[in-house]
Amino acid sequence: MNLHTPIARTVASTPRTDWTRDEVAALFDLPFADLMFAAQTVHRAQFDPNAVQLSTLLSIKTGGCPEDCGYCSQSASAETGLKAEKLMDVDAVLSEARAAKDAGSGRFCMGAAWRSPKDRDMPAIVEMVKGVRAMGLETCMTLGMLTADQSKQLAEAGLDYYNHNIDTSPENYANVITTRTFEDRIETLENVRSAGINVCSGGIVGMGETRSDRVGFLHALATLPHHPESVPINALVPVKGTVLGDMLADTPLAKIDEIEFVRTVAVARILMPESMVRLSAGRESMSDAAQAMCFMAGANSIFTGDRLLTTPNAGDSKDAALFARLGVHPMELTAPALATA
C-alpha cells in the first residue's frame, strides 16, 4: 500500500468519529493484502498482537422474548422448540462465573431474552453484577432496551459493559426486526453511556445483506459520539424455525464468504482502533485459517465454552489447540475499573 495515499493517512490517524460512508467503502475495496497490512498496523499500535481476551457468555434467562428478531431462536415467534425459562437464581449464576474464571475468562457476560427488564427483576440483576465483579471479573450484561433509571442502577452496581447490538445497517434494520427501531437501539446506547457504563455494540453479518449494508453497519458504530469499547462481530448461525434460518436454508447466502468476514473485521479494527473487536457467534463453523486471519485483521477477543446463549460455540480445548499453533496467548486478567459517569 502506498503510504502517501489518502487511505494510508486515514488509517494512520488517531481515533475519529467523522468517517464518511465513502471512506468506509474504500477500505472494504482495498486489495486484501493492503487491507490486512493497514489493520495489523493499527492493531499493533494499540494492542499486543498475540494476546486475545477470553470472555464467557451465559444465558441467565432463556427464550420467550417478544421481539421478532429474524435471526434469534429465543424469539417467541420462532418455531424452534426452545422452551422459555425463568431468570436464573443469583447463586447459580455466580457458580457459573467462578467456573468461567477458573477456565481463564477475564469477562463474564450475562444475557437475558427480554425486550427490556422489568423493575421486579432489577434487584436480582444488581446482585449478579456485584457478585461477579467481586470475583475480579469484568462484568457485561445484555438485557434488551434500558431506561435511563435502569442504566443508573446497573452503573451503581458496578457493571463494566452493557451489550446492545445495532445488528445491521440503519437501512437494512427493518428487514431483520420489526418490533423495535434502529433509533430504539441508539437510545439505549445513549442511556448506557450517560450512566457511565462502557458500551459493547456490534452486529451480525451473513444475514443476506449486501456489502453496502456492512459498510453502513460499521459506519453507524464508528460515527457514534464515542466508539464502543467492545465491538462483537457475529456470523449468522442459521437456526431452523427462525425467519432468517428458514429463508436462507440451502442457499449460498446461508454462510458469509470467509474472506468477506475477515474484511469486515479488518475494517472494524481500522475504524475503531482502541476498541476490543470480538469474534462472537458463528466461530464454530469457521476454519482455523479463517480465525487466524481474523486475529491478524485485529480481532482480539473471543467467547469461550461450548455454547453462546442457545447456539454452539468452539470449545475450550479446540481454542487452546488453535492458540498453541498460532502462538497466541490469553490476555492477562486485570481488576475491572470502576465505571464513572
Protein backbone atom coordinates (compact mmCIF):
# COMPACT_ATOMS: atom_id res chain seq x y z
CA MET A 1 0.00 0.00 0.00
CA ASN A 2 1.36 3.41 -0.98
CA LEU A 3 1.95 5.22 2.31
CA HIS A 4 1.21 8.56 0.64
CA THR A 5 -2.35 7.72 -0.37
CA PRO A 6 -5.32 9.36 1.42
CA ILE A 7 -6.38 5.92 2.66
CA ALA A 8 -2.99 5.35 4.27
CA ARG A 9 -3.14 8.72 6.01
CA THR A 10 -6.67 7.91 7.18
CA VAL A 11 -5.79 4.60 8.79
CA ALA A 12 -2.72 6.09 10.46
CA SER A 13 -4.69 8.87 12.15
CA THR A 14 -5.95 8.97 15.74
CA PRO A 15 -9.46 7.68 16.55
CA ARG A 16 -12.13 9.71 14.80
CA THR A 17 -15.90 9.72 14.65
CA ASP A 18 -16.38 11.66 11.41
CA TRP A 19 -15.91 8.82 8.96
CA THR A 20 -17.87 9.05 5.72
CA ARG A 21 -19.53 6.10 4.07
CA ASP A 22 -17.32 6.59 1.04
CA GLU A 23 -14.23 6.24 3.24
CA VAL A 24 -15.57 3.07 4.82
CA ALA A 25 -16.46 1.64 1.40
CA ALA A 26 -12.97 2.48 0.15
CA LEU A 27 -11.46 0.46 3.00
CA PHE A 28 -13.62 -2.55 2.11
CA ASP A 29 -12.48 -2.20 -1.52
CA LEU A 30 -8.74 -2.24 -0.75
CA PRO A 31 -6.71 -5.16 -2.09
CA PHE A 32 -6.81 -7.82 0.61
CA ALA A 33 -3.09 -7.66 1.42
CA ASP A 34 -3.23 -3.87 1.75
CA LEU A 35 -6.28 -4.01 4.00
CA MET A 36 -4.67 -6.63 6.24
CA PHE A 37 -1.44 -4.62 6.45
CA ALA A 38 -3.36 -1.47 7.42
CA ALA A 39 -5.45 -3.29 10.02
CA GLN A 40 -2.42 -5.03 11.53
CA THR A 41 -0.55 -1.72 11.69
CA VAL A 42 -3.43 -0.07 13.54
CA HIS A 43 -3.83 -3.08 15.83
CA ARG A 44 -0.15 -3.22 16.83
CA ALA A 45 -0.20 0.47 17.70
CA GLN A 46 -2.82 -0.21 20.40
CA PHE A 47 -2.60 -3.85 21.49
CA ASP A 48 -0.34 -6.84 21.97
CA PRO A 49 -0.94 -8.57 18.61
CA ASN A 50 -0.60 -12.03 20.17
CA ALA A 51 -2.97 -11.53 23.12
CA VAL A 52 -6.66 -12.43 22.90
CA GLN A 53 -9.22 -11.70 25.60
CA LEU A 54 -11.26 -14.70 26.76
CA SER A 55 -14.89 -13.99 27.64
CA THR A 56 -17.74 -16.26 28.72
CA LEU A 57 -21.39 -15.71 27.84
CA LEU A 58 -24.19 -17.19 29.96
CA SER A 59 -27.90 -17.13 29.22
CA ILE A 60 -29.45 -16.13 32.54
CA LYS A 61 -32.99 -16.06 31.13
CA THR A 62 -33.69 -18.12 28.04
CA GLY A 63 -36.50 -17.93 25.46
CA GLY A 64 -39.91 -16.28 25.32
CA CYS A 65 -38.68 -12.92 24.04
CA PRO A 66 -41.48 -10.83 22.50
CA GLU A 67 -39.16 -9.29 19.90
CA ASP A 68 -39.24 -10.73 16.37
CA CYS A 69 -35.52 -10.60 15.54
CA GLY A 70 -35.28 -12.76 12.43
CA TYR A 71 -32.01 -14.39 13.46
CA CYS A 72 -32.91 -15.33 17.03
CA SER A 73 -34.09 -18.72 18.28
CA GLN A 74 -35.21 -17.09 21.56
CA SER A 75 -37.95 -15.06 19.90
CA ALA A 76 -41.43 -16.19 20.94
CA SER A 77 -42.39 -16.02 17.27
CA ALA A 78 -39.66 -18.50 16.26
CA GLU A 79 -40.69 -22.14 15.86
CA THR A 80 -37.52 -23.70 17.22
CA GLY A 81 -38.92 -25.75 20.09
CA LEU A 82 -36.89 -23.73 22.57
CA LYS A 83 -38.54 -23.75 25.98
CA ALA A 84 -38.88 -20.42 27.78
CA GLU A 85 -37.22 -20.38 31.19
CA LYS A 86 -37.33 -18.06 34.18
CA LEU A 87 -34.47 -15.86 35.36
CA MET A 88 -31.70 -17.95 36.89
CA ASP A 89 -31.07 -17.86 40.62
CA VAL A 90 -28.27 -15.48 41.66
CA ASP A 91 -26.21 -18.23 43.30
CA ALA A 92 -26.40 -20.39 40.17
CA VAL A 93 -25.12 -17.50 38.05
CA LEU A 94 -22.24 -16.85 40.45
CA SER A 95 -21.30 -20.53 40.34
CA GLU A 96 -21.06 -20.32 36.55
CA ALA A 97 -18.95 -17.18 36.85
CA ARG A 98 -16.49 -18.90 39.18
CA ALA A 99 -16.13 -21.76 36.71
CA ALA A 100 -15.54 -19.28 33.89
CA LYS A 101 -12.80 -17.53 35.83
CA ASP A 102 -11.17 -20.85 36.67
CA ALA A 103 -11.16 -21.62 32.93
CA GLY A 104 -9.29 -18.37 32.20
CA SER A 105 -12.05 -15.95 31.26
CA GLY A 106 -11.49 -12.31 32.06
CA ARG A 107 -15.01 -11.11 31.28
CA PHE A 108 -18.33 -12.69 32.24
CA CYS A 109 -21.29 -11.72 30.11
CA MET A 110 -24.88 -12.39 31.14
CA GLY A 111 -27.73 -12.35 28.64
CA ALA A 112 -31.49 -12.33 29.20
CA ALA A 113 -34.09 -12.80 26.47
CA TRP A 114 -36.18 -9.74 27.25
CA ARG A 115 -37.45 -6.77 25.30
CA SER A 116 -36.44 -4.87 28.42
CA PRO A 117 -36.04 -5.86 32.08
CA LYS A 118 -38.95 -5.32 34.45
CA ASP A 119 -38.40 -3.37 37.65
CA ARG A 120 -39.06 -6.52 39.70
CA ASP A 121 -36.07 -8.19 38.04
CA MET A 122 -33.58 -5.43 38.79
CA PRO A 123 -32.65 -6.41 42.41
CA ALA A 124 -31.51 -9.88 41.30
CA ILE A 125 -29.69 -8.43 38.29
CA VAL A 126 -27.87 -5.97 40.54
CA GLU A 127 -26.79 -8.78 42.89
CA MET A 128 -25.43 -10.76 39.95
CA VAL A 129 -23.32 -7.81 38.84
CA LYS A 130 -21.98 -7.20 42.32
CA GLY A 131 -21.20 -10.88 42.88
CA VAL A 132 -19.40 -11.41 39.59
CA ARG A 133 -17.43 -8.21 39.95
CA ALA A 134 -16.32 -9.21 43.44
CA MET A 135 -14.53 -12.17 41.82
CA GLY A 136 -12.30 -9.79 39.85
CA LEU A 137 -14.04 -10.46 36.56
CA GLU A 138 -15.19 -7.77 34.16
CA THR A 139 -18.97 -7.77 34.02
CA CYS A 140 -21.17 -7.41 30.97
CA MET A 141 -24.92 -7.71 30.55
CA THR A 142 -27.36 -7.73 27.67
CA LEU A 143 -30.96 -7.41 28.81
CA GLY A 144 -32.65 -5.62 25.92
CA MET A 145 -33.62 -1.96 25.99
CA LEU A 146 -32.82 0.04 29.14
CA THR A 147 -34.30 3.20 30.58
CA ALA A 148 -32.06 5.89 32.00
CA ASP A 149 -33.01 4.82 35.54
CA GLN A 150 -32.21 1.15 34.88
CA SER A 151 -28.88 2.16 33.38
CA LYS A 152 -28.11 4.16 36.50
CA GLN A 153 -28.94 1.18 38.74
CA LEU A 154 -26.55 -1.04 36.79
CA ALA A 155 -23.83 1.60 36.89
CA GLU A 156 -24.18 1.94 40.65
CA ALA A 157 -23.87 -1.85 40.95
CA GLY A 158 -20.54 -1.61 39.14
CA LEU A 159 -21.47 -3.01 35.71
CA ASP A 160 -18.49 -2.60 33.41
CA TYR A 161 -20.07 -3.19 30.00
CA TYR A 162 -23.55 -3.26 28.53
CA ASN A 163 -24.11 -5.07 25.25
CA HIS A 164 -26.76 -3.82 22.86
CA ASN A 165 -26.01 -4.66 19.24
CA ILE A 166 -27.21 -2.49 16.38
CA ASP A 167 -27.25 -5.73 14.30
CA THR A 168 -27.01 -4.25 10.79
CA SER A 169 -27.15 -1.02 8.81
CA PRO A 170 -29.92 1.50 9.54
CA GLU A 171 -31.34 0.87 6.07
CA ASN A 172 -31.46 -2.91 6.49
CA TYR A 173 -32.71 -2.93 10.08
CA ALA A 174 -36.44 -3.23 9.31
CA ASN A 175 -35.71 -6.30 7.18
CA VAL A 176 -34.39 -8.06 10.27
CA ILE A 177 -36.54 -6.72 13.14
CA THR A 178 -39.94 -5.01 13.12
CA THR A 179 -40.83 -4.81 16.83
CA ARG A 180 -38.36 -2.01 17.54
CA THR A 181 -36.44 0.53 15.51
CA PHE A 182 -32.80 1.28 14.90
CA GLU A 183 -33.36 4.51 16.83
CA ASP A 184 -34.54 2.48 19.85
CA ARG A 185 -31.17 0.75 19.83
CA ILE A 186 -29.31 4.04 19.75
CA GLU A 187 -31.40 5.44 22.62
CA THR A 188 -30.39 2.53 24.87
CA LEU A 189 -26.74 3.03 23.95
CA GLU A 190 -27.08 6.70 24.88
CA ASN A 191 -28.67 5.80 28.23
CA VAL A 192 -25.87 3.34 28.98
CA ARG A 193 -23.14 5.78 28.00
CA SER A 194 -24.70 8.61 30.02
CA ALA A 195 -24.77 6.36 33.10
CA GLY A 196 -21.02 5.80 32.82
CA ILE A 197 -21.11 2.18 31.62
CA ASN A 198 -18.81 1.05 28.84
CA VAL A 199 -20.62 0.19 25.61
CA CYS A 200 -20.44 -3.15 23.83
CA SER A 201 -22.16 -2.97 20.45
CA GLY A 202 -21.70 -4.77 17.17
CA GLY A 203 -23.78 -6.78 14.79
CA ILE A 204 -24.32 -9.80 12.59
CA VAL A 205 -23.11 -10.46 9.07
CA GLY A 206 -24.30 -13.20 6.77
CA MET A 207 -27.99 -12.33 7.06
CA GLY A 208 -28.36 -11.93 3.31
CA GLU A 209 -27.23 -8.30 3.49
CA THR A 210 -25.14 -6.54 0.85
CA ARG A 211 -21.65 -5.16 1.28
CA SER A 212 -23.27 -1.73 1.31
CA ASP A 213 -25.14 -2.85 4.45
CA ARG A 214 -21.88 -3.98 6.04
CA VAL A 215 -20.44 -0.57 5.22
CA GLY A 216 -23.48 1.10 6.79
CA PHE A 217 -23.32 -1.11 9.89
CA LEU A 218 -19.69 -0.26 10.66
CA HIS A 219 -20.17 3.38 9.69
CA ALA A 220 -23.02 3.68 12.21
CA LEU A 221 -20.79 2.34 15.01
CA ALA A 222 -17.73 4.35 14.04
CA THR A 223 -19.65 7.63 13.95
CA LEU A 224 -21.22 7.33 17.39
CA PRO A 225 -20.05 10.18 19.68
CA HIS A 226 -17.77 7.61 21.38
CA HIS A 227 -16.69 4.35 19.82
CA PRO A 228 -18.00 1.24 21.61
CA GLU A 229 -15.32 -0.15 23.89
CA SER A 230 -16.20 -3.63 22.59
CA VAL A 231 -17.37 -4.48 19.08
CA PRO A 232 -18.64 -8.06 18.65
CA ILE A 233 -18.76 -9.27 15.05
CA ASN A 234 -21.11 -12.23 14.65
CA ALA A 235 -21.55 -14.55 11.68
CA LEU A 236 -25.16 -15.66 11.43
CA VAL A 237 -25.84 -19.12 12.77
CA PRO A 238 -28.93 -20.07 10.72
CA VAL A 239 -31.37 -21.81 13.07
CA LYS A 240 -34.26 -23.78 11.63
CA GLY A 241 -37.54 -22.23 12.72
CA THR A 242 -36.26 -18.65 12.72
CA VAL A 243 -37.22 -16.28 9.91
CA LEU A 244 -33.69 -15.94 8.57
CA GLY A 245 -32.75 -19.54 9.24
CA ASP A 246 -35.63 -20.77 7.12
CA MET A 247 -35.25 -18.10 4.45
CA LEU A 248 -31.54 -18.72 3.91
CA ALA A 249 -31.58 -22.51 4.31
CA ASP A 250 -29.88 -24.36 1.45
CA THR A 251 -28.89 -21.13 -0.30
CA PRO A 252 -25.40 -19.66 -0.90
CA LEU A 253 -26.40 -16.79 1.41
CA ALA A 254 -26.60 -19.13 4.41
CA LYS A 255 -22.87 -18.63 5.09
CA ILE A 256 -20.87 -15.47 4.53
CA ASP A 257 -17.69 -15.81 2.49
CA GLU A 258 -14.77 -16.10 4.93
CA ILE A 259 -12.66 -13.52 3.11
CA GLU A 260 -15.54 -11.03 3.30
CA PHE A 261 -15.91 -11.77 7.01
CA VAL A 262 -12.20 -11.09 7.56
CA ARG A 263 -12.55 -7.85 5.60
CA THR A 264 -15.35 -6.81 7.94
CA VAL A 265 -13.16 -7.47 10.99
CA ALA A 266 -10.24 -5.57 9.45
CA VAL A 267 -12.36 -2.53 8.61
CA ALA A 268 -13.81 -2.53 12.13
CA ARG A 269 -10.28 -2.53 13.56
CA ILE A 270 -9.22 0.41 11.39
CA LEU A 271 -12.34 2.46 12.09
CA MET A 272 -12.29 1.84 15.86
CA PRO A 273 -8.60 1.38 16.74
CA GLU A 274 -8.99 1.39 20.53
CA SER A 275 -11.97 -0.98 20.72
CA MET A 276 -11.86 -4.67 21.53
CA VAL A 277 -13.05 -6.48 18.39
CA ARG A 278 -14.64 -9.79 19.34
CA LEU A 279 -15.23 -12.89 17.25
CA SER A 280 -18.63 -13.94 18.51
CA ALA A 281 -21.34 -16.26 17.19
CA GLY A 282 -20.56 -18.38 14.16
CA ARG A 283 -16.95 -19.08 15.06
CA GLU A 284 -17.60 -22.81 15.48
CA SER A 285 -18.21 -23.11 11.73
CA MET A 286 -15.10 -21.14 10.71
CA SER A 287 -11.93 -22.84 9.61
CA ASP A 288 -8.82 -22.41 11.74
CA ALA A 289 -7.29 -20.45 8.86
CA ALA A 290 -10.21 -18.01 8.81
CA GLN A 291 -9.94 -17.46 12.57
CA ALA A 292 -6.19 -16.92 12.23
CA MET A 293 -6.81 -14.28 9.57
CA CYS A 294 -9.35 -12.60 11.84
CA PHE A 295 -6.73 -12.34 14.58
CA MET A 296 -4.29 -10.88 12.04
CA ALA A 297 -7.01 -8.43 10.99
CA GLY A 298 -7.26 -7.13 14.56
CA ALA A 299 -9.77 -9.33 16.36
CA ASN A 300 -8.55 -9.65 19.93
CA SER A 301 -11.42 -11.17 21.90
CA ILE A 302 -13.43 -14.40 21.70
CA PHE A 303 -16.18 -16.15 23.61
CA THR A 304 -15.02 -19.43 25.13
CA GLY A 305 -17.03 -22.52 26.04
CA ASP A 306 -19.25 -24.88 24.10
CA ARG A 307 -22.31 -22.62 23.79
CA LEU A 308 -23.27 -18.99 23.20
CA LEU A 309 -26.70 -18.46 24.72
CA THR A 310 -28.54 -21.10 22.63
CA THR A 311 -26.11 -21.74 19.74
CA PRO A 312 -22.98 -23.93 19.56
CA ASN A 313 -19.51 -22.44 20.04
CA ALA A 314 -15.96 -23.68 19.61
CA GLY A 315 -14.95 -25.41 22.84
CA ASP A 316 -12.14 -24.51 25.23
CA SER A 317 -9.89 -27.40 24.16
CA LYS A 318 -10.22 -26.53 20.48
CA ASP A 319 -9.41 -22.89 21.23
CA ALA A 320 -6.37 -23.87 23.30
CA ALA A 321 -5.07 -26.02 20.46
CA LEU A 322 -5.52 -23.21 17.94
CA PHE A 323 -3.85 -20.68 20.25
CA ALA A 324 -0.86 -23.01 20.64
CA ARG A 325 -0.50 -23.36 16.87
CA LEU A 326 -0.65 -19.59 16.38
CA GLY A 327 1.50 -18.59 19.35
CA VAL A 328 -1.45 -16.65 20.75
CA HIS A 329 -1.97 -16.34 24.50
CA PRO A 330 -4.92 -15.26 26.65
CA MET A 331 -4.94 -11.61 27.58
CA GLU A 332 -3.86 -11.13 31.18
CA LEU A 333 -6.63 -10.62 33.73
CA THR A 334 -6.75 -7.22 35.37
CA ALA A 335 -9.10 -5.97 38.06
CA PRO A 336 -12.03 -4.21 36.36
CA ALA A 337 -12.04 -0.44 36.56
CA LEU A 338 -14.97 1.27 38.21
CA ALA A 339 -17.34 2.86 35.76
CA THR A 340 -17.61 6.63 36.06
CA ALA A 341 -20.30 8.89 34.72
